[in-house]
């Protein structure tokens, strides 16, 4: 059984979509249960349960980081209103571009389309692929596809930095 501090440490380093079994049996312990419910309330994990040989397996699945809520102020009549995170294809493109810039800056391999869609909150790999093609068309990035067994290499045009070559 996982301890609450171990679960918190896992949440800090896990990528969206990754999961961990935090307890097994008929029900989780009180401390770990409170910890996972707090993370769920914060929007960081979802909770799942699967039947196993010795009862149930309690699983936490890492979610994309919740979007910060921005304040909107348009004069006295709109004071205190909140605006949701902007949506749309340009927003998703900007988020993907930021992830690619960060990967190039840290000399990491380029994320796959599935990884990008999970991090940004898109519907799937096809949606991320579309955003990548738009970034290429706008001249923000250049993509090299070394081979079917290797990850693509992305060059950030503004800085000239590249993501690292790596196997899939």
Protein backbone atom coordinates (compact mmCIF):
# COMPACT_ATOMS: atom_id res chain seq x y z
CA UNK A 1 0.00 0.00 0.00
CA UNK A 2 1.24 3.46 -0.92
CA UNK A 3 1.74 6.24 1.64
CA UNK A 4 0.24 9.73 1.11
CA UNK A 5 3.66 11.38 0.66
CA UNK A 6 4.62 8.74 -1.94
CA UNK A 7 1.38 9.45 -3.83
CA UNK A 8 2.06 13.21 -3.74
CA UNK A 9 5.58 12.63 -5.05
CA UNK A 10 4.21 10.44 -7.86
CA UNK A 11 1.66 13.12 -8.85
CA UNK A 12 4.42 15.73 -9.11
CA UNK A 13 6.50 13.69 -11.57
CA UNK A 14 3.83 11.68 -13.47
CA UNK A 15 2.70 12.60 -16.96
CA UNK A 16 -1.00 12.85 -17.76
CA UNK A 17 -2.45 9.41 -18.48
CA UNK A 18 -0.01 7.53 -16.25
CA UNK A 19 -1.56 5.48 -13.47
CA UNK A 20 -0.51 3.92 -10.18
CA UNK A 21 -2.11 1.36 -7.86
CA UNK A 22 -2.27 3.13 -4.51
CA UNK A 23 -4.08 0.39 -2.54
CA UNK A 24 -5.38 -3.16 -2.80
CA UNK A 25 -8.05 -4.99 -0.82
CA UNK A 26 -11.63 -4.24 0.10
CA UNK A 27 -11.06 -0.52 0.65
CA UNK A 28 -8.09 1.87 0.86
CA UNK A 29 -6.71 2.98 4.21
CA UNK A 30 -8.01 6.22 5.71
CA UNK A 31 -4.82 8.29 5.16
CA UNK A 32 -4.26 7.28 1.54
CA UNK A 33 -7.98 7.58 0.84
CA UNK A 34 -8.05 11.17 2.10
CA UNK A 35 -4.92 12.00 0.11
CA UNK A 36 -6.28 10.65 -3.18
CA UNK A 37 -9.66 12.34 -2.62
CA UNK A 38 -7.85 15.65 -2.08
CA UNK A 39 -5.88 15.21 -5.31
CA UNK A 40 -9.11 14.30 -7.11
CA UNK A 41 -10.84 17.42 -5.77
CA UNK A 42 -7.89 19.49 -7.04
CA UNK A 43 -8.36 17.96 -10.52
CA UNK A 44 -4.96 16.26 -10.54
CA UNK A 45 -6.11 12.61 -10.60
CA UNK A 46 -9.13 10.49 -11.36
CA UNK A 47 -9.85 7.39 -9.34
CA UNK A 48 -10.52 3.94 -10.76
CA UNK A 49 -11.13 0.53 -9.30
CA UNK A 50 -10.52 -2.93 -10.80
CA UNK A 51 -11.43 -6.28 -9.37
CA UNK A 52 -8.36 -8.33 -8.52
CA UNK A 53 -7.62 -11.71 -6.97
CA UNK A 54 -7.58 -10.31 -3.42
CA UNK A 55 -10.44 -7.81 -3.61
CA UNK A 56 -10.01 -4.57 -5.52
CA UNK A 57 -7.11 -2.61 -6.98
CA UNK A 58 -7.52 1.14 -6.36
CA UNK A 59 -5.88 3.15 -9.12
CA UNK A 60 -5.10 6.87 -9.49
CA UNK A 61 -4.74 8.21 -13.05
CA UNK A 62 -2.81 11.47 -13.54
CA UNK A 63 -4.80 14.19 -15.33
CA UNK A 64 -3.45 17.25 -17.15
CA UNK A 65 -2.79 20.14 -14.79
CA UNK A 66 -5.95 22.14 -14.22
CA UNK A 67 -6.06 25.46 -16.06
CA UNK A 68 -5.69 28.56 -13.93
CA UNK A 69 -8.83 30.65 -13.74
CA UNK A 70 -8.32 34.15 -15.10
CA UNK A 71 -10.22 37.17 -13.81
CA UNK A 72 -12.10 39.35 -16.22
CA UNK A 73 -12.76 43.00 -15.45
CA UNK A 74 -14.87 45.11 -17.76
CA UNK A 75 -15.99 47.82 -15.38
CA UNK A 76 -18.21 47.89 -12.33
CA UNK A 77 -21.00 45.71 -13.73
CA UNK A 78 -18.67 42.76 -14.45
CA UNK A 79 -16.64 42.81 -11.25
CA UNK A 80 -15.89 39.37 -9.85
CA UNK A 81 -16.73 37.38 -12.97
CA UNK A 82 -14.49 34.51 -13.91
CA UNK A 83 -13.54 33.39 -17.38
CA UNK A 84 -12.73 29.81 -18.30
CA UNK A 85 -9.49 28.89 -20.02
CA UNK A 86 -9.53 29.95 -23.65
CA UNK A 87 -10.20 27.09 -26.01
CA UNK A 88 -9.79 26.61 -29.72
CA UNK A 89 -7.16 25.44 -32.10
CA UNK A 90 -4.83 28.42 -31.66
CA UNK A 91 -4.74 27.86 -27.90
CA UNK A 92 -3.91 24.16 -28.38
CA UNK A 93 -1.22 25.09 -30.91
CA UNK A 94 0.36 27.53 -28.44
CA UNK A 95 0.37 24.90 -25.69
CA UNK A 96 1.93 22.30 -27.99
CA UNK A 97 4.50 24.84 -29.17
CA UNK A 98 5.42 25.58 -25.53
CA UNK A 99 5.86 21.85 -24.84
CA UNK A 100 8.11 21.51 -27.90
CA UNK A 101 10.18 24.56 -26.92
CA UNK A 102 10.61 23.13 -23.42
CA UNK A 103 11.63 19.71 -24.79
CA UNK A 104 14.20 21.32 -27.10
CA UNK A 105 15.53 23.55 -24.33
CA UNK A 106 15.98 20.56 -21.98
CA UNK A 107 17.40 18.31 -24.74
CA UNK A 108 14.53 15.82 -24.42
CA UNK A 109 13.05 13.66 -27.20
CA UNK A 110 10.03 15.03 -29.02
CA UNK A 111 6.76 13.88 -27.44
CA UNK A 112 4.56 11.62 -29.57
CA UNK A 113 1.19 12.86 -30.79
CA UNK A 114 -0.54 10.73 -28.14
CA UNK A 115 1.63 12.25 -25.39
CA UNK A 116 0.97 15.77 -26.69
CA UNK A 117 -2.79 15.23 -26.84
CA UNK A 118 -2.81 13.91 -23.25
CA UNK A 119 -0.73 16.83 -21.95
CA UNK A 120 -2.80 19.49 -23.74
CA UNK A 121 -6.17 17.82 -23.26
CA UNK A 122 -7.03 17.16 -26.90
CA UNK A 123 -9.32 14.39 -28.10
CA UNK A 124 -6.51 12.19 -29.43
CA UNK A 125 -3.33 11.77 -31.45
CA UNK A 126 -5.01 12.87 -34.68
CA UNK A 127 -5.90 16.25 -33.14
CA UNK A 128 -2.29 16.72 -31.98
CA UNK A 129 -1.00 15.74 -35.43
CA UNK A 130 -3.23 18.39 -36.99
CA UNK A 131 -1.84 21.05 -34.60
CA UNK A 132 1.72 19.95 -35.43
CA UNK A 133 1.03 20.32 -39.18
CA UNK A 134 -0.34 23.82 -38.55
CA UNK A 135 2.82 24.76 -36.63
CA UNK A 136 4.90 23.54 -39.58
CA UNK A 137 2.72 25.48 -42.05
CA UNK A 138 3.05 28.67 -39.99
CA UNK A 139 6.85 28.31 -40.02
CA UNK A 140 7.25 27.93 -36.24
CA UNK A 141 8.83 24.46 -36.35
CA UNK A 142 10.59 22.10 -38.74
CA UNK A 143 10.07 18.35 -38.39
CA UNK A 144 12.53 15.60 -39.41
CA UNK A 145 11.30 12.00 -39.44
CA UNK A 146 14.53 9.93 -39.16
CA UNK A 147 12.92 6.46 -39.41
CA UNK A 148 9.74 4.62 -38.40
CA UNK A 149 11.56 3.29 -35.32
CA UNK A 150 12.76 6.69 -34.07
CA UNK A 151 10.97 9.69 -32.65
CA UNK A 152 10.75 12.75 -34.86
CA UNK A 153 13.20 15.59 -34.34
CA UNK A 154 11.66 19.04 -34.07
CA UNK A 155 13.64 22.22 -34.70
CA UNK A 156 12.30 25.40 -33.13
CA UNK A 157 12.79 28.02 -35.84
CA UNK A 158 12.96 30.99 -33.45
CA UNK A 159 15.84 29.58 -31.39
CA UNK A 160 17.35 26.92 -33.67
CA UNK A 161 17.23 24.36 -30.83
CA UNK A 162 16.25 20.77 -31.57
CA UNK A 163 14.70 17.92 -29.66
CA UNK A 164 16.96 14.91 -29.09
CA UNK A 165 16.87 11.85 -31.35
CA UNK A 166 15.51 8.79 -29.58
CA UNK A 167 13.99 5.42 -30.28
CA UNK A 168 10.24 4.95 -29.97
